[in-house]
């Protein structure tokens, strides 16, 4: 085969590849939404209460619109039937639902088509006023890390852990790194709590700005030696006032917490 023939063959193969890739790209973009996490229902399954449905999580190459359909099912969450007129994201539980469970079916639609996903069933619907509401604890539902915005009184923040570096503070120590852990609701780590630390007496170390706790409940602050350290030639401890609070609340009220801790000093 001549060099010219070889070149023509290579160009033809390249053209086929480009067309194939373009075809795959078009096929990918011309696709209905794909559900990656099912819808969820929040609220109390009791006559007279309002339930709310999330859309779930979807992937799509174009904008998605959502439609809802609430369904009444048996106690096992099977044998479901559509509830007439129940086609919004919220649903007021009716007397006819008592003794049954509820699900919601979400339809996601884009320019290329639609797909549906159904939530898990609720608990069996209880009659109106059958049980008193649980006492308000101020704690969010679930377990694991709690966002400070979801914690409210009577729950309180708790400063329940601290570390210091260096482990012993000397006259030549210029920077002290302190870490504090904040929890609430039976030991759950709290994310987003604002923490302030201040050496007592004042002006031994500079006061770092408030900083928020991370997803593990810890915050790191660095204090720099100031003109009045050490406070005494016989100083053996560095006392530190620590405060944790919820953003936007009064520093002396709400769920805020204060604690005095100390770290060893060797002069």
C-alpha atoms as a PDB file:
ATOM      1  CA  UNK A   1       0.000   0.000   0.000  1.00  0.00           C
ATOM      2  CA  UNK A   2       1.340   3.451  -0.912  1.00  0.00           C
ATOM      3  CA  UNK A   3       2.113   6.134   1.605  1.00  0.00           C
ATOM      4  CA  UNK A   4      -0.853   8.119   0.283  1.00  0.00           C
ATOM      5  CA  UNK A   5      -3.168   5.154   0.770  1.00  0.00           C
ATOM      6  CA  UNK A   6      -1.892   4.685   4.326  1.00  0.00           C
ATOM      7  CA  UNK A   7      -2.533   8.347   5.092  1.00  0.00           C
ATOM      8  CA  UNK A   8      -6.073   8.162   3.725  1.00  0.00           C
ATOM      9  CA  UNK A   9      -6.778   5.061   5.803  1.00  0.00           C
ATOM     10  CA  UNK A  10      -5.542   6.769   8.990  1.00  0.00           C
ATOM     11  CA  UNK A  11      -7.663   9.864   8.318  1.00  0.00           C
ATOM     12  CA  UNK A  12     -10.726   7.720   7.747  1.00  0.00           C
ATOM     13  CA  UNK A  13     -10.172   5.833  11.007  1.00  0.00           C
ATOM     14  CA  UNK A  14      -9.746   9.129  12.898  1.00  0.00           C
ATOM     15  CA  UNK A  15     -12.979  10.461  11.434  1.00  0.00           C
ATOM     16  CA  UNK A  16     -14.871   7.364  12.551  1.00  0.00           C
ATOM     17  CA  UNK A  17     -13.442   7.726  16.068  1.00  0.00           C
ATOM     18  CA  UNK A  18     -14.467  11.393  16.279  1.00  0.00           C
ATOM     19  CA  UNK A  19     -17.990  10.563  15.139  1.00  0.00           C
ATOM     20  CA  UNK A  20     -18.250   7.740  17.624  1.00  0.00           C
ATOM     21  CA  UNK A  21     -17.101   9.936  20.509  1.00  0.00           C
ATOM     22  CA  UNK A  22     -19.491  12.679  19.442  1.00  0.00           C
ATOM     23  CA  UNK A  23     -22.285  10.140  19.332  1.00  0.00           C
ATOM     24  CA  UNK A  24     -21.466   8.957  22.839  1.00  0.00           C
ATOM     25  CA  UNK A  25     -21.364  12.565  24.066  1.00  0.00           C
ATOM     26  CA  UNK A  26     -24.782  13.284  22.552  1.00  0.00           C
ATOM     27  CA  UNK A  27     -26.154  10.105  24.054  1.00  0.00           C
ATOM     28  CA  UNK A  28     -24.829  11.112  27.476  1.00  0.00           C
ATOM     29  CA  UNK A  29     -26.366  14.578  27.284  1.00  0.00           C
ATOM     30  CA  UNK A  30     -29.685  13.307  25.905  1.00  0.00           C
ATOM     31  CA  UNK A  31     -30.547  11.277  28.980  1.00  0.00           C
ATOM     32  CA  UNK A  32     -33.315  11.335  31.571  1.00  0.00           C
ATOM     33  CA  UNK A  33     -32.376  12.156  35.196  1.00  0.00           C
ATOM     34  CA  UNK A  34     -30.736   9.382  37.223  1.00  0.00           C
ATOM     35  CA  UNK A  35     -31.547   8.937  40.929  1.00  0.00           C
ATOM     36  CA  UNK A  36     -28.552   8.493  43.228  1.00  0.00           C
ATOM     37  CA  UNK A  37     -30.266   8.848  46.638  1.00  0.00           C
ATOM     38  CA  UNK A  38     -33.915   8.128  47.367  1.00  0.00           C
ATOM     39  CA  UNK A  39     -36.372  10.778  48.608  1.00  0.00           C
ATOM     40  CA  UNK A  40     -36.861  11.019  52.364  1.00  0.00           C
ATOM     41  CA  UNK A  41     -39.896  11.862  54.499  1.00  0.00           C
ATOM     42  CA  UNK A  42     -39.544  13.966  57.650  1.00  0.00           C
ATOM     43  CA  UNK A  43     -42.199  14.581  60.276  1.00  0.00           C
ATOM     44  CA  UNK A  44     -44.380  12.524  62.628  1.00  0.00           C
ATOM     45  CA  UNK A  45     -46.632   9.816  61.155  1.00  0.00           C
ATOM     46  CA  UNK A  46     -49.733  10.827  63.092  1.00  0.00           C
ATOM     47  CA  UNK A  47     -53.160  12.081  62.046  1.00  0.00           C
ATOM     48  CA  UNK A  48     -53.144  15.889  61.905  1.00  0.00           C
ATOM     49  CA  UNK A  49     -49.363  16.169  61.514  1.00  0.00           C
ATOM     50  CA  UNK A  50     -47.632  17.451  58.365  1.00  0.00           C
ATOM     51  CA  UNK A  51     -45.024  15.348  56.571  1.00  0.00           C
ATOM     52  CA  UNK A  52     -42.449  16.818  54.200  1.00  0.00           C
ATOM     53  CA  UNK A  53     -40.680  15.052  51.332  1.00  0.00           C
ATOM     54  CA  UNK A  54     -37.246  15.771  49.917  1.00  0.00           C
ATOM     55  CA  UNK A  55     -36.556  15.308  46.218  1.00  0.00           C
ATOM     56  CA  UNK A  56     -33.728  12.863  46.800  1.00  0.00           C
ATOM     57  CA  UNK A  57     -30.524  13.294  44.827  1.00  0.00           C
ATOM     58  CA  UNK A  58     -30.399  13.186  41.030  1.00  0.00           C
ATOM     59  CA  UNK A  59     -27.861  13.618  38.251  1.00  0.00           C
ATOM     60  CA  UNK A  60     -28.789  15.299  35.002  1.00  0.00           C
ATOM     61  CA  UNK A  61     -27.153  17.188  32.149  1.00  0.00           C
ATOM     62  CA  UNK A  62     -29.984  19.736  32.123  1.00  0.00           C
ATOM     63  CA  UNK A  63     -32.363  21.449  34.556  1.00  0.00           C
ATOM     64  CA  UNK A  64     -34.686  19.158  36.532  1.00  0.00           C
ATOM     65  CA  UNK A  65     -38.281  19.789  37.617  1.00  0.00           C
ATOM     66  CA  UNK A  66     -39.952  17.622  40.249  1.00  0.00           C
ATOM     67  CA  UNK A  67     -43.448  16.252  40.814  1.00  0.00           C
ATOM     68  CA  UNK A  68     -44.719  14.458  43.927  1.00  0.00           C
ATOM     69  CA  UNK A  69     -47.302  11.759  44.560  1.00  0.00           C
ATOM     70  CA  UNK A  70     -48.096  10.568  48.087  1.00  0.00           C
ATOM     71  CA  UNK A  71     -49.147   6.931  48.435  1.00  0.00           C
ATOM     72  CA  UNK A  72     -50.986   5.004  51.165  1.00  0.00           C
ATOM     73  CA  UNK A  73     -49.529   1.542  51.876  1.00  0.00           C
ATOM     74  CA  UNK A  74     -50.148  -1.359  54.250  1.00  0.00           C
ATOM     75  CA  UNK A  75     -48.286  -1.759  57.532  1.00  0.00           C
ATOM     76  CA  UNK A  76     -45.370  -3.411  55.700  1.00  0.00           C
ATOM     77  CA  UNK A  77     -45.067  -0.559  53.212  1.00  0.00           C
ATOM     78  CA  UNK A  78     -46.502  -2.650  50.355  1.00  0.00           C
ATOM     79  CA  UNK A  79     -49.735  -2.605  48.348  1.00  0.00           C
ATOM     80  CA  UNK A  80     -49.514   1.146  47.862  1.00  0.00           C
ATOM     81  CA  UNK A  81     -52.168   3.297  46.148  1.00  0.00           C
ATOM     82  CA  UNK A  82     -52.039   6.941  45.120  1.00  0.00           C
ATOM     83  CA  UNK A  83     -53.795   9.440  47.409  1.00  0.00           C
ATOM     84  CA  UNK A  84     -55.970  11.794  45.383  1.00  0.00           C
ATOM     85  CA  UNK A  85     -54.849  15.415  45.392  1.00  0.00           C
ATOM     86  CA  UNK A  86     -51.704  14.659  47.416  1.00  0.00           C
ATOM     87  CA  UNK A  87     -49.219  15.963  44.868  1.00  0.00           C
ATOM     88  CA  UNK A  88     -47.051  18.532  46.666  1.00  0.00           C
ATOM     89  CA  UNK A  89     -43.873  18.204  48.706  1.00  0.00           C
ATOM     90  CA  UNK A  90     -45.849  18.343  51.993  1.00  0.00           C
ATOM     91  CA  UNK A  91     -48.769  16.223  53.135  1.00  0.00           C
ATOM     92  CA  UNK A  92     -51.267  16.635  55.987  1.00  0.00           C
ATOM     93  CA  UNK A  93     -51.846  13.176  57.456  1.00  0.00           C
ATOM     94  CA  UNK A  94     -55.532  12.214  57.253  1.00  0.00           C
ATOM     95  CA  UNK A  95     -57.798   9.989  59.288  1.00  0.00           C
ATOM     96  CA  UNK A  96     -57.895   7.510  56.418  1.00  0.00           C
ATOM     97  CA  UNK A  97     -54.148   7.019  56.811  1.00  0.00           C
ATOM     98  CA  UNK A  98     -54.431   5.722  60.380  1.00  0.00           C
ATOM     99  CA  UNK A  99     -53.072   2.194  60.720  1.00  0.00           C
ATOM    100  CA  UNK A 100     -51.255   2.426  57.377  1.00  0.00           C
ATOM    101  CA  UNK A 101     -47.855   3.652  56.258  1.00  0.00           C
ATOM    102  CA  UNK A 102     -47.087   6.361  53.708  1.00  0.00           C
ATOM    103  CA  UNK A 103     -44.583   6.714  50.913  1.00  0.00           C
ATOM    104  CA  UNK A 104     -43.922   9.476  48.406  1.00  0.00           C
ATOM    105  CA  UNK A 105     -43.016   8.972  44.770  1.00  0.00           C
ATOM    106  CA  UNK A 106     -40.901  11.724  43.200  1.00  0.00           C
ATOM    107  CA  UNK A 107     -40.771  12.159  39.430  1.00  0.00           C
ATOM    108  CA  UNK A 108     -37.755  14.045  38.089  1.00  0.00           C
ATOM    109  CA  UNK A 109     -38.046  15.450  34.582  1.00  0.00           C
ATOM    110  CA  UNK A 110     -35.565  17.167  32.271  1.00  0.00           C
ATOM    111  CA  UNK A 111     -35.570  18.042  28.583  1.00  0.00           C
ATOM    112  CA  UNK A 112     -34.780  14.442  27.626  1.00  0.00           C
ATOM    113  CA  UNK A 113     -37.220  12.451  29.734  1.00  0.00           C
ATOM    114  CA  UNK A 114     -38.281  11.527  33.257  1.00  0.00           C
ATOM    115  CA  UNK A 115     -37.596   8.976  35.971  1.00  0.00           C
ATOM    116  CA  UNK A 116     -39.169   8.159  39.340  1.00  0.00           C
ATOM    117  CA  UNK A 117     -37.904   7.205  42.782  1.00  0.00           C
ATOM    118  CA  UNK A 118     -39.891   6.194  45.873  1.00  0.00           C
ATOM    119  CA  UNK A 119     -39.085   6.863  49.529  1.00  0.00           C
ATOM    120  CA  UNK A 120     -39.009   4.342  52.331  1.00  0.00           C
ATOM    121  CA  UNK A 121     -42.279   3.873  54.204  1.00  0.00           C
ATOM    122  CA  UNK A 122     -43.086   5.940  57.301  1.00  0.00           C
ATOM    123  CA  UNK A 123     -43.935   4.388  60.626  1.00  0.00           C
ATOM    124  CA  UNK A 124     -47.509   3.149  60.957  1.00  0.00           C
ATOM    125  CA  UNK A 125     -49.737   6.239  61.242  1.00  0.00           C
ATOM    126  CA  UNK A 126     -51.034   6.797  64.783  1.00  0.00           C
ATOM    127  CA  UNK A 127     -54.383   8.351  65.676  1.00  0.00           C
ATOM    128  CA  UNK A 128     -54.571  12.037  66.485  1.00  0.00           C
ATOM    129  CA  UNK A 129     -53.322  12.854  69.974  1.00  0.00           C
ATOM    130  CA  UNK A 130     -52.608   9.218  70.785  1.00  0.00           C
ATOM    131  CA  UNK A 131     -49.281   9.958  72.430  1.00  0.00           C
ATOM    132  CA  UNK A 132     -47.959  13.159  74.002  1.00  0.00           C
ATOM    133  CA  UNK A 133     -45.161  14.831  72.090  1.00  0.00           C
ATOM    134  CA  UNK A 134     -41.699  13.994  73.410  1.00  0.00           C
ATOM    135  CA  UNK A 135     -40.087  16.475  75.765  1.00  0.00           C
ATOM    136  CA  UNK A 136     -38.077  19.069  73.893  1.00  0.00           C
ATOM    137  CA  UNK A 137     -34.380  18.380  74.395  1.00  0.00           C
ATOM    138  CA  UNK A 138     -32.965  20.966  72.014  1.00  0.00           C
ATOM    139  CA  UNK A 139     -30.983  18.207  70.306  1.00  0.00           C
ATOM    140  CA  UNK A 140     -31.193  17.347  66.589  1.00  0.00           C
ATOM    141  CA  UNK A 141     -32.294  13.867  65.571  1.00  0.00           C
ATOM    142  CA  UNK A 142     -29.812  11.245  64.453  1.00  0.00           C
ATOM    143  CA  UNK A 143     -26.343  10.553  65.747  1.00  0.00           C
ATOM    144  CA  UNK A 144     -22.802  11.686  65.017  1.00  0.00           C
ATOM    145  CA  UNK A 145     -21.686  15.297  64.577  1.00  0.00           C
ATOM    146  CA  UNK A 146     -24.341  17.946  65.296  1.00  0.00           C
ATOM    147  CA  UNK A 147     -24.299  21.319  63.563  1.00  0.00           C
ATOM    148  CA  UNK A 148     -24.397  24.088  66.165  1.00  0.00           C
ATOM    149  CA  UNK A 149     -27.309  25.698  64.297  1.00  0.00           C
ATOM    150  CA  UNK A 150     -29.488  22.654  65.064  1.00  0.00           C
ATOM    151  CA  UNK A 151     -28.762  22.717  68.810  1.00  0.00           C
ATOM    152  CA  UNK A 152     -30.997  24.856  71.039  1.00  0.00           C
ATOM    153  CA  UNK A 153     -31.896  25.265  74.707  1.00  0.00           C
ATOM    154  CA  UNK A 154     -32.277  23.444  77.017  1.00  0.00           C
ATOM    155  CA  UNK A 155     -29.284  21.649  75.455  1.00  0.00           C
ATOM    156  CA  UNK A 156     -25.944  23.278  76.235  1.00  0.00           C
ATOM    157  CA  UNK A 157     -22.506  23.290  74.690  1.00  0.00           C
ATOM    158  CA  UNK A 158     -19.801  21.526  76.672  1.00  0.00           C
ATOM    159  CA  UNK A 159     -16.047  22.166  76.448  1.00  0.00           C
ATOM    160  CA  UNK A 160     -14.919  18.639  77.211  1.00  0.00           C
ATOM    161  CA  UNK A 161     -11.384  18.362  75.852  1.00  0.00           C
ATOM    162  CA  UNK A 162      -8.203  20.419  75.580  1.00  0.00           C
ATOM    163  CA  UNK A 163      -4.570  20.033  74.537  1.00  0.00           C
ATOM    164  CA  UNK A 164      -1.586  22.395  74.508  1.00  0.00           C
ATOM    165  CA  UNK A 165       1.670  22.579  72.568  1.00  0.00           C
ATOM    166  CA  UNK A 166       4.322  22.774  73.905  1.00  0.00           C
ATOM    167  CA  UNK A 167       3.144  20.492  76.717  1.00  0.00           C
ATOM    168  CA  UNK A 168       5.068  22.631  79.244  1.00  0.00           C
ATOM    169  CA  UNK A 169       5.279  26.401  78.725  1.00  0.00           C
ATOM    170  CA  UNK A 170       8.625  28.049  79.463  1.00  0.00           C
ATOM    171  CA  UNK A 171       9.898  31.634  79.664  1.00  0.00           C
ATOM    172  CA  UNK A 172      11.205  31.335  76.100  1.00  0.00           C
ATOM    173  CA  UNK A 173       7.912  30.014  74.648  1.00  0.00           C
ATOM    174  CA  UNK A 174       6.773  32.509  72.034  1.00  0.00           C
ATOM    175  CA  UNK A 175       3.709  30.687  70.665  1.00  0.00           C
ATOM    176  CA  UNK A 176       1.243  28.433  72.470  1.00  0.00           C
ATOM    177  CA  UNK A 177      -1.100  26.270  70.389  1.00  0.00           C
ATOM    178  CA  UNK A 178      -4.253  25.244  72.239  1.00  0.00           C
ATOM    179  CA  UNK A 179      -6.997  22.915  70.995  1.00  0.00           C
ATOM    180  CA  UNK A 180     -10.463  22.578  72.492  1.00  0.00           C
ATOM    181  CA  UNK A 181     -13.253  20.074  71.871  1.00  0.00           C
ATOM    182  CA  UNK A 182     -16.921  21.068  72.038  1.00  0.00           C
ATOM    183  CA  UNK A 183     -19.807  18.616  72.408  1.00  0.00           C
ATOM    184  CA  UNK A 184     -23.512  18.592  73.260  1.00  0.00           C
ATOM    185  CA  UNK A 185     -26.432  16.170  73.462  1.00  0.00           C
ATOM    186  CA  UNK A 186     -24.754  13.287  75.292  1.00  0.00           C
ATOM    187  CA  UNK A 187     -21.288  13.673  73.869  1.00  0.00           C
ATOM    188  CA  UNK A 188     -22.001  14.422  70.198  1.00  0.00           C
ATOM    189  CA  UNK A 189     -19.267  16.537  68.573  1.00  0.00           C
ATOM    190  CA  UNK A 190     -20.527  20.002  67.606  1.00  0.00           C
ATOM    191  CA  UNK A 191     -19.488  21.665  64.348  1.00  0.00           C
ATOM    192  CA  UNK A 192     -19.546  25.452  63.896  1.00  0.00           C
ATOM    193  CA  UNK A 193     -19.408  26.499  67.564  1.00  0.00           C
ATOM    194  CA  UNK A 194     -17.380  29.710  68.009  1.00  0.00           C
ATOM    195  CA  UNK A 195     -14.578  29.310  70.554  1.00  0.00           C
ATOM    196  CA  UNK A 196     -12.615  32.077  72.320  1.00  0.00           C
ATOM    197  CA  UNK A 197      -9.536  31.536  74.532  1.00  0.00           C
ATOM    198  CA  UNK A 198      -7.920  34.151  76.788  1.00  0.00           C
ATOM    199  CA  UNK A 199      -5.010  33.804  79.235  1.00  0.00           C
ATOM    200  CA  UNK A 200      -5.716  34.952  82.819  1.00  0.00           C
ATOM    201  CA  UNK A 201      -4.316  37.387  84.089  1.00  0.00           C
ATOM    202  CA  UNK A 202      -4.570  39.409  80.901  1.00  0.00           C
ATOM    203  CA  UNK A 203      -1.824  40.351  78.438  1.00  0.00           C
ATOM    204  CA  UNK A 204       0.352  37.289  79.037  1.00  0.00           C
ATOM    205  CA  UNK A 205      -0.528  36.025  75.587  1.00  0.00           C
ATOM    206  CA  UNK A 206      -2.444  37.768  72.800  1.00  0.00           C
ATOM    207  CA  UNK A 207      -6.099  36.836  72.381  1.00  0.00           C
ATOM    208  CA  UNK A 208      -6.717  34.991  69.104  1.00  0.00           C
ATOM    209  CA  UNK A 209      -9.934  35.691  67.223  1.00  0.00           C
ATOM    210  CA  UNK A 210     -12.916  33.395  67.754  1.00  0.00           C
ATOM    211  CA  UNK A 211     -12.755  30.340  65.503  1.00  0.00           C
ATOM    212  CA  UNK A 212     -15.363  27.683  64.649  1.00  0.00           C
ATOM    213  CA  UNK A 213     -15.090  24.022  65.569  1.00  0.00           C
ATOM    214  CA  UNK A 214     -14.680  21.540  62.724  1.00  0.00           C
ATOM    215  CA  UNK A 215     -16.629  18.398  61.883  1.00  0.00           C
ATOM    216  CA  UNK A 216     -14.768  16.539  64.647  1.00  0.00           C
ATOM    217  CA  UNK A 217     -15.734  19.163  67.259  1.00  0.00           C
ATOM    218  CA  UNK A 218     -12.144  20.469  67.653  1.00  0.00           C
ATOM    219  CA  UNK A 219     -10.802  23.980  67.131  1.00  0.00           C
ATOM    220  CA  UNK A 220      -7.162  25.134  67.089  1.00  0.00           C
ATOM    221  CA  UNK A 221      -6.051  28.548  68.400  1.00  0.00           C
ATOM    222  CA  UNK A 222      -2.542  30.047  68.536  1.00  0.00           C
ATOM    223  CA  UNK A 223      -1.625  32.540  71.294  1.00  0.00           C
ATOM    224  CA  UNK A 224       1.512  34.681  71.019  1.00  0.00           C
ATOM    225  CA  UNK A 225       3.560  35.707  74.089  1.00  0.00           C
ATOM    226  CA  UNK A 226       2.728  39.217  75.259  1.00  0.00           C
ATOM    227  CA  UNK A 227       4.499  41.734  77.513  1.00  0.00           C
ATOM    228  CA  UNK A 228       3.175  40.462  80.879  1.00  0.00           C
ATOM    229  CA  UNK A 229       4.307  36.835  80.662  1.00  0.00           C
ATOM    230  CA  UNK A 230       5.223  35.459  83.093  1.00  0.00           C
ATOM    231  CA  UNK A 231       2.763  36.994  85.497  1.00  0.00           C
ATOM    232  CA  UNK A 232       5.055  35.967  88.376  1.00  0.00           C
ATOM    233  CA  UNK A 233       8.583  34.632  88.728  1.00  0.00           C
ATOM    234  CA  UNK A 234       7.052  31.664  90.588  1.00  0.00           C
ATOM    235  CA  UNK A 235       4.298  30.987  88.036  1.00  0.00           C
ATOM    236  CA  UNK A 236       3.578  27.269  87.641  1.00  0.00           C
ATOM    237  CA  UNK A 237       0.328  27.321  85.641  1.00  0.00           C
ATOM    238  CA  UNK A 238      -1.091  29.299  82.740  1.00  0.00           C
ATOM    239  CA  UNK A 239      -4.826  29.744  83.383  1.00  0.00           C
ATOM    240  CA  UNK A 240      -6.959  30.094  80.230  1.00  0.00           C
ATOM    241  CA  UNK A 241     -10.583  31.225  80.079  1.00  0.00           C
ATOM    242  CA  UNK A 242     -12.462  29.390  77.292  1.00  0.00           C
ATOM    243  CA  UNK A 243     -15.891  30.186  75.890  1.00  0.00           C
ATOM    244  CA  UNK A 244     -17.953  28.285  73.283  1.00  0.00           C
ATOM    245  CA  UNK A 245     -21.084  29.803  71.807  1.00  0.00           C
ATOM    246  CA  UNK A 246     -23.635  29.555  69.024  1.00  0.00           C
ATOM    247  CA  UNK A 247     -23.237  32.277  66.349  1.00  0.00           C
ATOM    248  CA  UNK A 248     -25.845  35.010  66.693  1.00  0.00           C
ATOM    249  CA  UNK A 249     -26.675  34.276  70.331  1.00  0.00           C
ATOM    250  CA  UNK A 250     -25.894  36.457  73.338  1.00  0.00           C
ATOM    251  CA  UNK A 251     -22.465  35.464  74.672  1.00  0.00           C
ATOM    252  CA  UNK A 252     -23.946  35.163  78.183  1.00  0.00           C
ATOM    253  CA  UNK A 253     -27.124  33.317  77.208  1.00  0.00           C
ATOM    254  CA  UNK A 254     -28.459  30.681  74.857  1.00  0.00           C
ATOM    255  CA  UNK A 255     -26.474  27.454  74.735  1.00  0.00           C
ATOM    256  CA  UNK A 256     -23.090  29.082  75.386  1.00  0.00           C
ATOM    257  CA  UNK A 257     -20.595  27.537  77.786  1.00  0.00           C
ATOM    258  CA  UNK A 258     -17.556  28.810  79.690  1.00  0.00           C
ATOM    259  CA  UNK A 259     -14.680  27.010  81.384  1.00  0.00           C
ATOM    260  CA  UNK A 260     -11.381  27.815  83.076  1.00  0.00           C
ATOM    261  CA  UNK A 261      -8.512  25.429  82.270  1.00  0.00           C
ATOM    262  CA  UNK A 262      -4.803  25.504  83.059  1.00  0.00           C
ATOM    263  CA  UNK A 263      -1.556  24.297  81.495  1.00  0.00           C
ATOM    264  CA  UNK A 264       1.839  23.684  83.206  1.00  0.00           C
ATOM    265  CA  UNK A 265       4.513  26.389  83.258  1.00  0.00           C
ATOM    266  CA  UNK A 266       8.202  25.813  84.079  1.00  0.00           C
ATOM    267  CA  UNK A 267      10.254  28.991  84.324  1.00  0.00           C
END
